[in-house]
Amino acid sequence: MYHFYWFGMHAYWWIFWVILWMLFFSFIMPVRRSNWTSYRDLQTPLQLLQRRYAAGEITSEEYEERRAKLLRDAKAV
């Protein structure tokens, strides 16, 4: 009879710890992860443009046009 009683109490503690860990990973970890700065945030617009051109996402004409606009806007500021 006591064997079933202790098993039941032990199961409740497992449920408690599982729920506690689930709460920790669902609430604490996303908040912490949102403070990380990504590599993309550290790049300048010209570096992003060069990366897109090197990857073949844009053509040479688009690259030259956008580069000229970026350099013109940088001089205006």
Protein backbone atom coordinates (compact mmCIF):
# COMPACT_ATOMS: atom_id res chain seq x y z
CA MET A 1 0.00 0.00 0.00
CA TYR A 2 2.77 2.46 0.85
CA HIS A 3 4.56 1.65 -2.37
CA PHE A 4 1.77 3.20 -4.45
CA TYR A 5 1.60 6.23 -2.19
CA TRP A 6 5.29 7.09 -2.64
CA PHE A 7 5.15 6.47 -6.35
CA GLY A 8 2.30 8.95 -6.62
CA MET A 9 4.16 11.62 -4.67
CA HIS A 10 7.28 11.01 -6.68
CA ALA A 11 5.32 11.44 -9.90
CA TYR A 12 3.99 14.80 -8.70
CA TRP A 13 7.53 16.04 -8.12
CA TRP A 14 8.56 14.99 -11.62
CA ILE A 15 5.58 16.86 -13.04
CA PHE A 16 6.48 19.91 -10.95
CA TRP A 17 10.10 19.98 -12.21
CA VAL A 18 9.12 19.37 -15.81
CA ILE A 19 6.66 22.27 -15.70
CA LEU A 20 9.24 24.48 -14.00
CA TRP A 21 11.83 23.77 -16.72
CA MET A 22 9.27 24.32 -19.45
CA LEU A 23 8.42 27.73 -17.98
CA PHE A 24 12.09 28.60 -17.73
CA PHE A 25 12.86 27.77 -21.34
CA SER A 26 9.69 29.30 -22.73
CA PHE A 27 9.90 32.66 -20.93
CA ILE A 28 13.48 33.31 -19.88
CA MET A 29 15.42 32.07 -22.90
CA PRO A 30 13.56 34.10 -25.61
CA VAL A 31 14.08 37.31 -23.61
CA ARG A 32 17.76 36.60 -23.31
CA ARG A 33 18.08 35.67 -26.98
CA SER A 34 16.35 38.87 -28.14
CA ASN A 35 19.19 40.98 -26.70
CA TRP A 36 21.76 39.36 -28.97
CA THR A 37 22.85 41.44 -31.93
CA SER A 38 23.02 39.60 -35.17
CA TYR A 39 25.83 39.84 -37.68
CA ARG A 40 23.51 41.58 -40.10
CA ASP A 41 22.95 44.42 -37.61
CA LEU A 42 26.69 45.06 -37.45
CA GLN A 43 27.10 45.53 -41.22
CA THR A 44 26.86 48.86 -43.00
CA PRO A 45 24.43 49.25 -45.92
CA LEU A 46 27.36 49.26 -48.36
CA GLN A 47 28.67 45.97 -46.92
CA LEU A 48 25.20 44.45 -47.25
CA LEU A 49 25.07 45.59 -50.86
CA GLN A 50 28.48 44.09 -51.57
CA ARG A 51 27.43 40.79 -49.96
CA ARG A 52 24.28 40.63 -52.08
CA TYR A 53 26.29 41.37 -55.23
CA ALA A 54 28.88 38.73 -54.38
CA ALA A 55 26.12 36.18 -53.75
CA GLY A 56 24.60 36.93 -57.16
CA GLU A 57 21.34 38.29 -55.78
CA ILE A 58 21.61 41.51 -57.80
CA THR A 59 23.11 42.38 -61.19
CA SER A 60 26.09 44.62 -61.90
CA GLU A 61 23.82 47.46 -63.02
CA GLU A 62 21.74 47.27 -59.86
CA TYR A 63 24.89 47.16 -57.76
CA GLU A 64 26.41 50.25 -59.40
CA GLU A 65 23.14 52.18 -59.20
CA ARG A 66 22.54 51.40 -55.54
CA ARG A 67 26.19 51.97 -54.64
CA ALA A 68 26.08 55.42 -56.23
CA LYS A 69 22.93 56.28 -54.29
CA LEU A 70 24.45 55.09 -51.01
CA LEU A 71 27.65 57.07 -51.56
CA ARG A 72 25.67 60.17 -52.62
CA ASP A 73 23.47 59.93 -49.52
CA ALA A 74 26.51 59.42 -47.29
CA LYS A 75 28.08 62.62 -48.61
CA ALA A 76 24.85 64.56 -48.04
CA VAL A 77 24.78 63.71 -44.34
